[in-house]
């Protein structure tokens, strides 16, 4: 079972569904700041879901695969806190958002390092 692929695909599904929900069902409901948070959450969730899915479907393991998991976790934290704040969660959730961002960065870094090591 490829759990990384399943989670990556789930994040991609949620990114599309929540992006559409925000654009249509929440139009006029969210504040301008909330709309911006919603857009940013979707903007970050989708490419990281695609990258994690590509990693999951590759034959790479080790640091590359760990990087994929960092992307999945980071996308959940980053986008999740922004979606929550857009829907009215306390602003202190914004203090959690950078943890997701650091996880996304770690994912890309680990994928790069793992790829370089594998090519030697």
PDB file of N, CA and C in Angstrom:
ATOM      1  N   UNK A   1       0.839  -1.181   0.000  1.00  0.00           N
ATOM      2  CA  UNK A   1       0.000   0.000   0.000  1.00  0.00           C
ATOM      3  C   UNK A   1       0.884   1.245   0.000  1.00  0.00           C
ATOM      4  N   UNK A   2       0.567   2.181  -0.854  1.00  0.00           N
ATOM      5  CA  UNK A   2       1.339   3.410  -0.948  1.00  0.00           C
ATOM      6  C   UNK A   2       0.576   4.530  -0.234  1.00  0.00           C
ATOM      7  N   UNK A   3       0.823   4.654   1.061  1.00  0.00           N
ATOM      8  CA  UNK A   3       0.096   5.634   1.867  1.00  0.00           C
ATOM      9  C   UNK A   3       0.428   7.062   1.462  1.00  0.00           C
ATOM     10  N   UNK A   4       1.687   7.302   1.082  1.00  0.00           N
ATOM     11  CA  UNK A   4       2.073   8.648   0.652  1.00  0.00           C
ATOM     12  C   UNK A   4       1.249   9.063  -0.565  1.00  0.00           C
ATOM     13  N   UNK A   5       1.099   8.168  -1.527  1.00  0.00           N
ATOM     14  CA  UNK A   5       0.294   8.484  -2.717  1.00  0.00           C
ATOM     15  C   UNK A   5      -1.156   8.764  -2.329  1.00  0.00           C
ATOM     16  N   UNK A   6      -1.694   7.970  -1.433  1.00  0.00           N
ATOM     17  CA  UNK A   6      -3.090   8.160  -1.016  1.00  0.00           C
ATOM     18  C   UNK A   6      -3.280   9.507  -0.324  1.00  0.00           C
ATOM     19  N   UNK A   7      -2.382   9.857   0.580  1.00  0.00           N
ATOM     20  CA  UNK A   7      -2.504  11.137   1.280  1.00  0.00           C
ATOM     21  C   UNK A   7      -2.283  12.306   0.322  1.00  0.00           C
ATOM     22  N   UNK A   8      -1.324  12.178  -0.579  1.00  0.00           N
ATOM     23  CA  UNK A   8      -1.076  13.239  -1.555  1.00  0.00           C
ATOM     24  C   UNK A   8      -2.305  13.454  -2.437  1.00  0.00           C
ATOM     25  N   UNK A   9      -2.898  12.363  -2.895  1.00  0.00           N
ATOM     26  CA  UNK A   9      -4.099  12.465  -3.726  1.00  0.00           C
ATOM     27  C   UNK A   9      -5.254  13.072  -2.938  1.00  0.00           C
ATOM     28  N   UNK A  10      -5.374  12.726  -1.669  1.00  0.00           N
ATOM     29  CA  UNK A  10      -6.434  13.283  -0.830  1.00  0.00           C
ATOM     30  C   UNK A  10      -6.256  14.796  -0.661  1.00  0.00           C
ATOM     31  N   UNK A  11      -5.023  15.231  -0.472  1.00  0.00           N
ATOM     32  CA  UNK A  11      -4.771  16.671  -0.361  1.00  0.00           C
ATOM     33  C   UNK A  11      -5.102  17.360  -1.683  1.00  0.00           C
ATOM     34  N   UNK A  12      -4.744  16.750  -2.798  1.00  0.00           N
ATOM     35  CA  UNK A  12      -5.098  17.316  -4.092  1.00  0.00           C
ATOM     36  C   UNK A  12      -6.603  17.425  -4.266  1.00  0.00           C
ATOM     37  N   UNK A  13      -7.320  16.367  -3.900  1.00  0.00           N
ATOM     38  CA  UNK A  13      -8.783  16.377  -3.970  1.00  0.00           C
ATOM     39  C   UNK A  13      -9.352  17.509  -3.112  1.00  0.00           C
ATOM     40  N   UNK A  14      -8.876  17.591  -1.877  1.00  0.00           N
ATOM     41  CA  UNK A  14      -9.366  18.627  -0.967  1.00  0.00           C
ATOM     42  C   UNK A  14      -9.020  20.025  -1.474  1.00  0.00           C
ATOM     43  N   UNK A  15      -7.841  20.172  -2.054  1.00  0.00           N
ATOM     44  CA  UNK A  15      -7.444  21.473  -2.590  1.00  0.00           C
ATOM     45  C   UNK A  15      -8.385  21.938  -3.691  1.00  0.00           C
ATOM     46  N   UNK A  16      -8.734  21.036  -4.598  1.00  0.00           N
ATOM     47  CA  UNK A  16      -9.667  21.391  -5.671  1.00  0.00           C
ATOM     48  C   UNK A  16     -11.056  21.658  -5.099  1.00  0.00           C
ATOM     49  N   UNK A  17     -11.527  20.760  -4.237  1.00  0.00           N
ATOM     50  CA  UNK A  17     -12.870  20.906  -3.678  1.00  0.00           C
ATOM     51  C   UNK A  17     -12.991  22.179  -2.835  1.00  0.00           C
ATOM     52  N   UNK A  18     -12.013  22.426  -1.983  1.00  0.00           N
ATOM     53  CA  UNK A  18     -12.080  23.615  -1.137  1.00  0.00           C
ATOM     54  C   UNK A  18     -11.857  24.892  -1.938  1.00  0.00           C
ATOM     55  N   UNK A  19     -11.027  24.830  -2.962  1.00  0.00           N
ATOM     56  CA  UNK A  19     -10.853  25.991  -3.829  1.00  0.00           C
ATOM     57  C   UNK A  19     -12.164  26.367  -4.508  1.00  0.00           C
ATOM     58  N   UNK A  20     -12.859  25.375  -5.035  1.00  0.00           N
ATOM     59  CA  UNK A  20     -14.153  25.619  -5.680  1.00  0.00           C
ATOM     60  C   UNK A  20     -15.188  26.087  -4.667  1.00  0.00           C
ATOM     61  N   UNK A  21     -15.194  25.470  -3.501  1.00  0.00           N
ATOM     62  CA  UNK A  21     -16.126  25.858  -2.443  1.00  0.00           C
ATOM     63  C   UNK A  21     -15.916  27.322  -2.064  1.00  0.00           C
ATOM     64  N   UNK A  22     -14.654  27.706  -1.907  1.00  0.00           N
ATOM     65  CA  UNK A  22     -14.352  29.088  -1.542  1.00  0.00           C
ATOM     66  C   UNK A  22     -14.747  30.076  -2.629  1.00  0.00           C
ATOM     67  N   UNK A  23     -14.545  29.683  -3.884  1.00  0.00           N
ATOM     68  CA  UNK A  23     -14.854  30.578  -4.994  1.00  0.00           C
ATOM     69  C   UNK A  23     -16.354  30.726  -5.223  1.00  0.00           C
ATOM     70  N   UNK A  24     -17.124  29.714  -4.879  1.00  0.00           N
ATOM     71  CA  UNK A  24     -18.552  29.748  -5.190  1.00  0.00           C
ATOM     72  C   UNK A  24     -19.429  29.866  -3.940  1.00  0.00           C
ATOM     73  N   UNK A  25     -19.325  28.937  -3.046  1.00  0.00           N
ATOM     74  CA  UNK A  25     -20.218  28.916  -1.878  1.00  0.00           C
ATOM     75  C   UNK A  25     -19.883  30.004  -0.865  1.00  0.00           C
ATOM     76  N   UNK A  26     -18.617  30.403  -0.800  1.00  0.00           N
ATOM     77  CA  UNK A  26     -18.228  31.400   0.198  1.00  0.00           C
ATOM     78  C   UNK A  26     -18.082  32.801  -0.382  1.00  0.00           C
ATOM     79  N   UNK A  27     -18.414  32.957  -1.656  1.00  0.00           N
ATOM     80  CA  UNK A  27     -18.326  34.272  -2.283  1.00  0.00           C
ATOM     81  C   UNK A  27     -19.251  35.240  -1.545  1.00  0.00           C
ATOM     82  N   UNK A  28     -18.691  36.329  -1.088  1.00  0.00           N
ATOM     83  CA  UNK A  28     -19.465  37.311  -0.346  1.00  0.00           C
ATOM     84  C   UNK A  28     -19.619  36.997   1.134  1.00  0.00           C
ATOM     85  N   UNK A  29     -19.200  35.804   1.559  1.00  0.00           N
ATOM     86  CA  UNK A  29     -19.302  35.413   2.957  1.00  0.00           C
ATOM     87  C   UNK A  29     -18.004  35.728   3.690  1.00  0.00           C
ATOM     88  N   UNK A  30     -16.890  35.426   3.035  1.00  0.00           N
ATOM     89  CA  UNK A  30     -15.588  35.664   3.650  1.00  0.00           C
ATOM     90  C   UNK A  30     -15.226  37.148   3.582  1.00  0.00           C
ATOM     91  N   UNK A  31     -14.475  37.585   4.567  1.00  0.00           N
ATOM     92  CA  UNK A  31     -13.927  38.938   4.516  1.00  0.00           C
ATOM     93  C   UNK A  31     -12.882  38.984   3.410  1.00  0.00           C
ATOM     94  N   UNK A  32     -12.467  40.177   2.973  1.00  0.00           N
ATOM     95  CA  UNK A  32     -11.387  40.236   1.977  1.00  0.00           C
ATOM     96  C   UNK A  32     -10.113  39.522   2.455  1.00  0.00           C
ATOM     97  N   UNK A  33      -9.801  39.669   3.735  1.00  0.00           N
ATOM     98  CA  UNK A  33      -8.639  38.980   4.289  1.00  0.00           C
ATOM     99  C   UNK A  33      -8.857  37.471   4.283  1.00  0.00           C
ATOM    100  N   UNK A  34     -10.044  37.029   4.640  1.00  0.00           N
ATOM    101  CA  UNK A  34     -10.377  35.609   4.612  1.00  0.00           C
ATOM    102  C   UNK A  34     -10.306  35.033   3.212  1.00  0.00           C
ATOM    103  N   UNK A  35     -10.764  35.795   2.230  1.00  0.00           N
ATOM    104  CA  UNK A  35     -10.687  35.358   0.837  1.00  0.00           C
ATOM    105  C   UNK A  35      -9.234  35.184   0.410  1.00  0.00           C
ATOM    106  N   UNK A  36      -8.385  36.095   0.844  1.00  0.00           N
ATOM    107  CA  UNK A  36      -6.957  35.998   0.519  1.00  0.00           C
ATOM    108  C   UNK A  36      -6.338  34.770   1.180  1.00  0.00           C
ATOM    109  N   UNK A  37      -6.684  34.518   2.427  1.00  0.00           N
ATOM    110  CA  UNK A  37      -6.175  33.323   3.120  1.00  0.00           C
ATOM    111  C   UNK A  37      -6.636  32.063   2.398  1.00  0.00           C
ATOM    112  N   UNK A  38      -7.899  32.038   2.002  1.00  0.00           N
ATOM    113  CA  UNK A  38      -8.458  30.863   1.318  1.00  0.00           C
ATOM    114  C   UNK A  38      -7.699  30.614   0.010  1.00  0.00           C
ATOM    115  N   UNK A  39      -7.484  31.671  -0.725  1.00  0.00           N
ATOM    116  CA  UNK A  39      -6.769  31.552  -2.001  1.00  0.00           C
ATOM    117  C   UNK A  39      -5.338  31.055  -1.775  1.00  0.00           C
ATOM    118  N   UNK A  40      -4.647  31.612  -0.802  1.00  0.00           N
ATOM    119  CA  UNK A  40      -3.270  31.206  -0.506  1.00  0.00           C
ATOM    120  C   UNK A  40      -3.211  29.743  -0.080  1.00  0.00           C
ATOM    121  N   UNK A  41      -4.153  29.318   0.736  1.00  0.00           N
ATOM    122  CA  UNK A  41      -4.190  27.919   1.179  1.00  0.00           C
ATOM    123  C   UNK A  41      -4.302  26.987  -0.017  1.00  0.00           C
ATOM    124  N   UNK A  42      -5.205  27.298  -0.931  1.00  0.00           N
ATOM    125  CA  UNK A  42      -5.397  26.462  -2.112  1.00  0.00           C
ATOM    126  C   UNK A  42      -4.174  26.517  -3.019  1.00  0.00           C
ATOM    127  N   UNK A  43      -3.610  27.698  -3.168  1.00  0.00           N
ATOM    128  CA  UNK A  43      -2.428  27.884  -4.016  1.00  0.00           C
ATOM    129  C   UNK A  43      -1.252  27.027  -3.547  1.00  0.00           C
ATOM    130  N   UNK A  44      -1.108  26.873  -2.248  1.00  0.00           N
ATOM    131  CA  UNK A  44      -0.008  26.077  -1.717  1.00  0.00           C
ATOM    132  C   UNK A  44      -0.342  24.587  -1.637  1.00  0.00           C
ATOM    133  N   UNK A  45      -1.576  24.248  -1.373  1.00  0.00           N
ATOM    134  CA  UNK A  45      -1.941  22.836  -1.227  1.00  0.00           C
ATOM    135  C   UNK A  45      -1.799  22.076  -2.541  1.00  0.00           C
ATOM    136  N   UNK A  46      -2.271  22.639  -3.627  1.00  0.00           N
ATOM    137  CA  UNK A  46      -2.321  21.886  -4.879  1.00  0.00           C
ATOM    138  C   UNK A  46      -0.955  21.500  -5.448  1.00  0.00           C
ATOM    139  N   UNK A  47      -0.015  22.422  -5.609  1.00  0.00           N
ATOM    140  CA  UNK A  47       1.275  21.979  -6.172  1.00  0.00           C
ATOM    141  C   UNK A  47       2.048  21.037  -5.254  1.00  0.00           C
ATOM    142  N   UNK A  48       1.867  21.202  -3.938  1.00  0.00           N
ATOM    143  CA  UNK A  48       2.570  20.303  -3.026  1.00  0.00           C
ATOM    144  C   UNK A  48       1.942  18.914  -3.029  1.00  0.00           C
ATOM    145  N   UNK A  49       0.638  18.845  -3.236  1.00  0.00           N
ATOM    146  CA  UNK A  49      -0.013  17.544  -3.392  1.00  0.00           C
ATOM    147  C   UNK A  49       0.512  16.855  -4.647  1.00  0.00           C
ATOM    148  N   UNK A  50       0.637  17.603  -5.729  1.00  0.00           N
ATOM    149  CA  UNK A  50       1.146  17.026  -6.983  1.00  0.00           C
ATOM    150  C   UNK A  50       2.594  16.569  -6.834  1.00  0.00           C
ATOM    151  N   UNK A  51       3.409  17.379  -6.170  1.00  0.00           N
ATOM    152  CA  UNK A  51       4.811  17.003  -5.975  1.00  0.00           C
ATOM    153  C   UNK A  51       4.923  15.760  -5.103  1.00  0.00           C
ATOM    154  N   UNK A  52       4.159  15.712  -4.022  1.00  0.00           N
ATOM    155  CA  UNK A  52       4.197  14.545  -3.140  1.00  0.00           C
ATOM    156  C   UNK A  52       3.695  13.296  -3.870  1.00  0.00           C
ATOM    157  N   UNK A  53       2.684  13.456  -4.714  1.00  0.00           N
ATOM    158  CA  UNK A  53       2.187  12.318  -5.481  1.00  0.00           C
ATOM    159  C   UNK A  53       3.245  11.828  -6.465  1.00  0.00           C
ATOM    160  N   UNK A  54       3.940  12.747  -7.111  1.00  0.00           N
ATOM    161  CA  UNK A  54       5.014  12.356  -8.036  1.00  0.00           C
ATOM    162  C   UNK A  54       6.109  11.603  -7.293  1.00  0.00           C
ATOM    163  N   UNK A  55       6.466  12.081  -6.109  1.00  0.00           N
ATOM    164  CA  UNK A  55       7.473  11.389  -5.303  1.00  0.00           C
ATOM    165  C   UNK A  55       6.968   9.999  -4.919  1.00  0.00           C
ATOM    166  N   UNK A  56       5.718   9.917  -4.511  1.00  0.00           N
ATOM    167  CA  UNK A  56       5.152   8.637  -4.082  1.00  0.00           C
ATOM    168  C   UNK A  56       5.147   7.619  -5.213  1.00  0.00           C
ATOM    169  N   UNK A  57       4.917   8.085  -6.417  1.00  0.00           N
ATOM    170  CA  UNK A  57       4.829   7.169  -7.552  1.00  0.00           C
ATOM    171  C   UNK A  57       6.183   6.872  -8.188  1.00  0.00           C
ATOM    172  N   UNK A  58       7.210   7.590  -7.739  1.00  0.00           N
ATOM    173  CA  UNK A  58       8.556   7.310  -8.242  1.00  0.00           C
ATOM    174  C   UNK A  58       9.122   6.104  -7.495  1.00  0.00           C
ATOM    175  N   UNK A  59      10.243   5.648  -7.935  1.00  0.00           N
ATOM    176  CA  UNK A  59      10.873   4.504  -7.265  1.00  0.00           C
ATOM    177  C   UNK A  59      11.818   4.963  -6.167  1.00  0.00           C
ATOM    178  N   UNK A  60      11.844   6.261  -5.912  1.00  0.00           N
ATOM    179  CA  UNK A  60      12.753   6.808  -4.908  1.00  0.00           C
ATOM    180  C   UNK A  60      12.278   6.507  -3.499  1.00  0.00           C
ATOM    181  N   UNK A  61      13.225   6.289  -2.640  1.00  0.00           N
ATOM    182  CA  UNK A  61      12.933   6.091  -1.225  1.00  0.00           C
ATOM    183  C   UNK A  61      13.779   7.047  -0.423  1.00  0.00           C
ATOM    184  N   UNK A  62      14.056   6.712   0.790  1.00  0.00           N
ATOM    185  CA  UNK A  62      14.956   7.479   1.638  1.00  0.00           C
ATOM    186  C   UNK A  62      14.545   8.920   1.822  1.00  0.00           C
ATOM    187  N   UNK A  63      15.515   9.826   1.635  1.00  0.00           N
ATOM    188  CA  UNK A  63      15.271  11.241   1.866  1.00  0.00           C
ATOM    189  C   UNK A  63      14.225  11.811   0.911  1.00  0.00           C
ATOM    190  N   UNK A  64      14.191  11.311  -0.310  1.00  0.00           N
ATOM    191  CA  UNK A  64      13.209  11.820  -1.274  1.00  0.00           C
ATOM    192  C   UNK A  64      11.799  11.520  -0.775  1.00  0.00           C
ATOM    193  N   UNK A  65      11.590  10.304  -0.359  1.00  0.00           N
ATOM    194  CA  UNK A  65      10.261   9.914   0.143  1.00  0.00           C
ATOM    195  C   UNK A  65       9.927  10.659   1.435  1.00  0.00           C
ATOM    196  N   UNK A  66      10.908  10.837   2.306  1.00  0.00           N
ATOM    197  CA  UNK A  66      10.697  11.629   3.518  1.00  0.00           C
ATOM    198  C   UNK A  66      10.305  13.051   3.147  1.00  0.00           C
ATOM    199  N   UNK A  67      10.925  13.585   2.106  1.00  0.00           N
ATOM    200  CA  UNK A  67      10.552  14.908   1.610  1.00  0.00           C
ATOM    201  C   UNK A  67       9.097  14.958   1.169  1.00  0.00           C
ATOM    202  N   UNK A  68       8.636  13.903   0.535  1.00  0.00           N
ATOM    203  CA  UNK A  68       7.230  13.826   0.133  1.00  0.00           C
ATOM    204  C   UNK A  68       6.302  13.880   1.337  1.00  0.00           C
ATOM    205  N   UNK A  69       6.664  13.152   2.389  1.00  0.00           N
ATOM    206  CA  UNK A  69       5.848  13.179   3.612  1.00  0.00           C
ATOM    207  C   UNK A  69       5.871  14.565   4.251  1.00  0.00           C
ATOM    208  N   UNK A  70       7.019  15.232   4.211  1.00  0.00           N
ATOM    209  CA  UNK A  70       7.090  16.600   4.743  1.00  0.00           C
ATOM    210  C   UNK A  70       6.153  17.524   3.966  1.00  0.00           C
ATOM    211  N   UNK A  71       6.068  17.319   2.650  1.00  0.00           N
ATOM    212  CA  UNK A  71       5.160  18.128   1.843  1.00  0.00           C
ATOM    213  C   UNK A  71       3.706  17.868   2.217  1.00  0.00           C
ATOM    214  N   UNK A  72       3.360  16.611   2.428  1.00  0.00           N
ATOM    215  CA  UNK A  72       1.989  16.264   2.818  1.00  0.00           C
ATOM    216  C   UNK A  72       1.645  16.904   4.168  1.00  0.00           C
ATOM    217  N   UNK A  73       2.509  16.723   5.140  1.00  0.00           N
ATOM    218  CA  UNK A  73       2.271  17.271   6.476  1.00  0.00           C
ATOM    219  C   UNK A  73       2.247  18.795   6.423  1.00  0.00           C
ATOM    220  N   UNK A  74       3.200  19.369   5.705  1.00  0.00           N
ATOM    221  CA  UNK A  74       3.260  20.829   5.591  1.00  0.00           C
ATOM    222  C   UNK A  74       2.039  21.415   4.915  1.00  0.00           C
ATOM    223  N   UNK A  75       1.567  20.765   3.857  1.00  0.00           N
ATOM    224  CA  UNK A  75       0.370  21.260   3.167  1.00  0.00           C
ATOM    225  C   UNK A  75      -0.837  21.216   4.087  1.00  0.00           C
ATOM    226  N   UNK A  76      -0.958  20.154   4.871  1.00  0.00           N
ATOM    227  CA  UNK A  76      -2.081  20.051   5.810  1.00  0.00           C
ATOM    228  C   UNK A  76      -2.035  21.164   6.849  1.00  0.00           C
ATOM    229  N   UNK A  77      -0.868  21.393   7.423  1.00  0.00           N
ATOM    230  CA  UNK A  77      -0.743  22.411   8.465  1.00  0.00           C
ATOM    231  C   UNK A  77      -0.898  23.812   7.876  1.00  0.00           C
ATOM    232  N   UNK A  78      -0.160  24.092   6.795  1.00  0.00           N
ATOM    233  CA  UNK A  78      -0.177  25.422   6.197  1.00  0.00           C
ATOM    234  C   UNK A  78      -1.574  25.785   5.704  1.00  0.00           C
ATOM    235  N   UNK A  79      -2.109  24.949   4.825  1.00  0.00           N
ATOM    236  CA  UNK A  79      -3.426  25.245   4.256  1.00  0.00           C
ATOM    237  C   UNK A  79      -4.520  25.133   5.315  1.00  0.00           C
ATOM    238  N   UNK A  80      -4.416  24.134   6.162  1.00  0.00           N
ATOM    239  CA  UNK A  80      -5.451  23.929   7.169  1.00  0.00           C
ATOM    240  C   UNK A  80      -5.619  25.108   8.104  1.00  0.00           C
ATOM    241  N   UNK A  81      -4.517  25.686   8.554  1.00  0.00           N
ATOM    242  CA  UNK A  81      -4.634  26.837   9.457  1.00  0.00           C
ATOM    243  C   UNK A  81      -5.195  28.053   8.725  1.00  0.00           C
ATOM    244  N   UNK A  82      -4.819  28.233   7.462  1.00  0.00           N
ATOM    245  CA  UNK A  82      -5.358  29.365   6.702  1.00  0.00           C
ATOM    246  C   UNK A  82      -6.852  29.194   6.433  1.00  0.00           C
ATOM    247  N   UNK A  83      -7.256  27.977   6.046  1.00  0.00           N
ATOM    248  CA  UNK A  83      -8.690  27.726   5.855  1.00  0.00           C
ATOM    249  C   UNK A  83      -9.450  27.986   7.154  1.00  0.00           C
ATOM    250  N   UNK A  84      -8.903  27.509   8.256  1.00  0.00           N
ATOM    251  CA  UNK A  84      -9.566  27.675   9.551  1.00  0.00           C
ATOM    252  C   UNK A  84      -9.711  29.156   9.909  1.00  0.00           C
ATOM    253  N   UNK A  85      -8.652  29.938   9.706  1.00  0.00           N
ATOM    254  CA  UNK A  85      -8.739  31.368  10.019  1.00  0.00           C
ATOM    255  C   UNK A  85      -9.731  32.070   9.103  1.00  0.00           C
ATOM    256  N   UNK A  86      -9.770  31.677   7.845  1.00  0.00           N
ATOM    257  CA  UNK A  86     -10.729  32.282   6.923  1.00  0.00           C
ATOM    258  C   UNK A  86     -12.160  32.029   7.372  1.00  0.00           C
ATOM    259  N   UNK A  87     -12.378  30.888   8.023  1.00  0.00           N
ATOM    260  CA  UNK A  87     -13.721  30.535   8.497  1.00  0.00           C
ATOM    261  C   UNK A  87     -14.004  31.042   9.907  1.00  0.00           C
ATOM    262  N   UNK A  88     -13.067  31.797  10.485  1.00  0.00           N
ATOM    263  CA  UNK A  88     -13.333  32.417  11.774  1.00  0.00           C
ATOM    264  C   UNK A  88     -12.538  31.899  12.948  1.00  0.00           C
ATOM    265  N   UNK A  89     -11.604  30.982  12.713  1.00  0.00           N
ATOM    266  CA  UNK A  89     -10.766  30.508  13.819  1.00  0.00           C
ATOM    267  C   UNK A  89      -9.959  31.681  14.378  1.00  0.00           C
ATOM    268  N   UNK A  90      -9.546  31.584  15.612  1.00  0.00           N
ATOM    269  CA  UNK A  90      -8.769  32.677  16.212  1.00  0.00           C
ATOM    270  C   UNK A  90      -7.508  32.985  15.409  1.00  0.00           C
ATOM    271  N   UNK A  91      -7.137  34.249  15.412  1.00  0.00           N
ATOM    272  CA  UNK A  91      -5.968  34.683  14.639  1.00  0.00           C
ATOM    273  C   UNK A  91      -4.672  34.026  15.120  1.00  0.00           C
ATOM    274  N   UNK A  92      -4.645  33.518  16.357  1.00  0.00           N
ATOM    275  CA  UNK A  92      -3.412  32.876  16.829  1.00  0.00           C
ATOM    276  C   UNK A  92      -3.096  31.623  16.025  1.00  0.00           C
ATOM    277  N   UNK A  93      -4.065  31.103  15.271  1.00  0.00           N
ATOM    278  CA  UNK A  93      -3.770  29.988  14.365  1.00  0.00           C
ATOM    279  C   UNK A  93      -2.676  30.382  13.377  1.00  0.00           C
ATOM    280  N   UNK A  94      -2.597  31.682  13.098  1.00  0.00           N
ATOM    281  CA  UNK A  94      -1.560  32.179  12.192  1.00  0.00           C
ATOM    282  C   UNK A  94      -0.156  31.898  12.695  1.00  0.00           C
ATOM    283  N   UNK A  95      -0.014  31.691  13.994  1.00  0.00           N
ATOM    284  CA  UNK A  95       1.296  31.342  14.556  1.00  0.00           C
ATOM    285  C   UNK A  95       1.681  29.907  14.220  1.00  0.00           C
ATOM    286  N   UNK A  96       0.712  29.074  13.878  1.00  0.00           N
ATOM    287  CA  UNK A  96       0.974  27.676  13.511  1.00  0.00           C
ATOM    288  C   UNK A  96       1.325  27.550  12.031  1.00  0.00           C
ATOM    289  N   UNK A  97       0.781  28.441  11.220  1.00  0.00           N
ATOM    290  CA  UNK A  97       0.954  28.374   9.770  1.00  0.00           C
ATOM    291  C   UNK A  97       2.424  28.248   9.339  1.00  0.00           C
ATOM    292  N   UNK A  98       3.354  29.022   9.912  1.00  0.00           N
ATOM    293  CA  UNK A  98       4.752  28.893   9.480  1.00  0.00           C
ATOM    294  C   UNK A  98       5.364  27.510   9.724  1.00  0.00           C
ATOM    295  N   UNK A  99       4.834  26.762  10.679  1.00  0.00           N
ATOM    296  CA  UNK A  99       5.318  25.394  10.887  1.00  0.00           C
ATOM    297  C   UNK A  99       5.063  24.580   9.623  1.00  0.00           C
ATOM    298  N   UNK A 100       3.885  24.780   9.037  1.00  0.00           N
ATOM    299  CA  UNK A 100       3.580  24.113   7.772  1.00  0.00           C
ATOM    300  C   UNK A 100       4.504  24.577   6.660  1.00  0.00           C
ATOM    301  N   UNK A 101       4.780  25.871   6.619  1.00  0.00           N
ATOM    302  CA  UNK A 101       5.687  26.403   5.604  1.00  0.00           C
ATOM    303  C   UNK A 101       7.091  25.832   5.720  1.00  0.00           C
ATOM    304  N   UNK A 102       7.576  25.715   6.951  1.00  0.00           N
ATOM    305  CA  UNK A 102       8.908  25.130   7.169  1.00  0.00           C
ATOM    306  C   UNK A 102       8.906  23.662   6.738  1.00  0.00           C
ATOM    307  N   UNK A 103       7.822  22.968   7.008  1.00  0.00           N
ATOM    308  CA  UNK A 103       7.717  21.569   6.577  1.00  0.00           C
ATOM    309  C   UNK A 103       7.730  21.458   5.053  1.00  0.00           C
ATOM    310  N   UNK A 104       7.055  22.390   4.370  1.00  0.00           N
ATOM    311  CA  UNK A 104       7.084  22.393   2.908  1.00  0.00           C
ATOM    312  C   UNK A 104       8.504  22.624   2.396  1.00  0.00           C
ATOM    313  N   UNK A 105       9.186  23.583   2.986  1.00  0.00           N
ATOM    314  CA  UNK A 105      10.578  23.851   2.599  1.00  0.00           C
ATOM    315  C   UNK A 105      11.471  22.640   2.866  1.00  0.00           C
ATOM    316  N   UNK A 106      11.274  22.007   4.018  1.00  0.00           N
ATOM    317  CA  UNK A 106      12.052  20.810   4.345  1.00  0.00           C
ATOM    318  C   UNK A 106      11.793  19.714   3.320  1.00  0.00           C
ATOM    319  N   UNK A 107      10.540  19.593   2.906  1.00  0.00           N
ATOM    320  CA  UNK A 107      10.209  18.588   1.895  1.00  0.00           C
ATOM    321  C   UNK A 107      10.975  18.795   0.602  1.00  0.00           C
ATOM    322  N   UNK A 108      10.993  20.014   0.126  1.00  0.00           N
ATOM    323  CA  UNK A 108      11.742  20.296  -1.108  1.00  0.00           C
ATOM    324  C   UNK A 108      13.243  20.079  -0.900  1.00  0.00           C
ATOM    325  N   UNK A 109      13.752  20.510   0.255  1.00  0.00           N
ATOM    326  CA  UNK A 109      15.174  20.329   0.526  1.00  0.00           C
ATOM    327  C   UNK A 109      15.560  18.859   0.606  1.00  0.00           C
ATOM    328  N   UNK A 110      14.764  18.071   1.312  1.00  0.00           N
ATOM    329  CA  UNK A 110      15.058  16.638   1.425  1.00  0.00           C
ATOM    330  C   UNK A 110      14.942  15.941   0.071  1.00  0.00           C
ATOM    331  N   UNK A 111      13.959  16.334  -0.723  1.00  0.00           N
ATOM    332  CA  UNK A 111      13.823  15.749  -2.059  1.00  0.00           C
ATOM    333  C   UNK A 111      15.040  16.074  -2.917  1.00  0.00           C
ATOM    334  N   UNK A 112      15.538  17.292  -2.796  1.00  0.00           N
ATOM    335  CA  UNK A 112      16.724  17.686  -3.573  1.00  0.00           C
ATOM    336  C   UNK A 112      17.967  16.932  -3.109  1.00  0.00           C
ATOM    337  N   UNK A 113      18.198  16.901  -1.808  1.00  0.00           N
ATOM    338  CA  UNK A 113      19.374  16.215  -1.264  1.00  0.00           C
ATOM    339  C   UNK A 113      19.315  14.724  -1.588  1.00  0.00           C
ATOM    340  N   UNK A 114      18.160  14.133  -1.372  1.00  0.00           N
ATOM    341  CA  UNK A 114      18.004  12.709  -1.671  1.00  0.00           C
ATOM    342  C   UNK A 114      18.223  12.396  -3.144  1.00  0.00           C
ATOM    343  N   UNK A 115      17.758  13.265  -4.008  1.00  0.00           N
ATOM    344  CA  UNK A 115      17.955  13.067  -5.447  1.00  0.00           C
ATOM    345  C   UNK A 115      19.420  13.196  -5.843  1.00  0.00           C
ATOM    346  N   UNK A 116      20.093  14.172  -5.251  1.00  0.00           N
ATOM    347  CA  UNK A 116      21.517  14.346  -5.542  1.00  0.00           C
ATOM    348  C   UNK A 116      22.341  13.160  -5.058  1.00  0.00           C
ATOM    349  N   UNK A 117      22.031  12.683  -3.879  1.00  0.00           N
ATOM    350  CA  UNK A 117      22.747  11.527  -3.348  1.00  0.00           C
ATOM    351  C   UNK A 117      22.504  10.283  -4.193  1.00  0.00           C
ATOM    352  N   UNK A 118      21.301  10.129  -4.682  1.00  0.00           N
ATOM    353  CA  UNK A 118      20.962   8.947  -5.487  1.00  0.00           C
ATOM    354  C   UNK A 118      21.617   8.985  -6.856  1.00  0.00           C
ATOM    355  N   UNK A 119      21.936  10.173  -7.343  1.00  0.00           N
ATOM    356  CA  UNK A 119      22.520  10.272  -8.680  1.00  0.00           C
ATOM    357  C   UNK A 119      24.031  10.025  -8.673  1.00  0.00           C
ATOM    358  N   UNK A 120      24.632   9.932  -7.486  1.00  0.00           N
ATOM    359  CA  UNK A 120      26.101   9.678  -7.408  1.00  0.00           C
ATOM    360  C   UNK A 120      26.401   8.215  -7.400  1.00  0.00           C
TER     361      UNK A 120
END
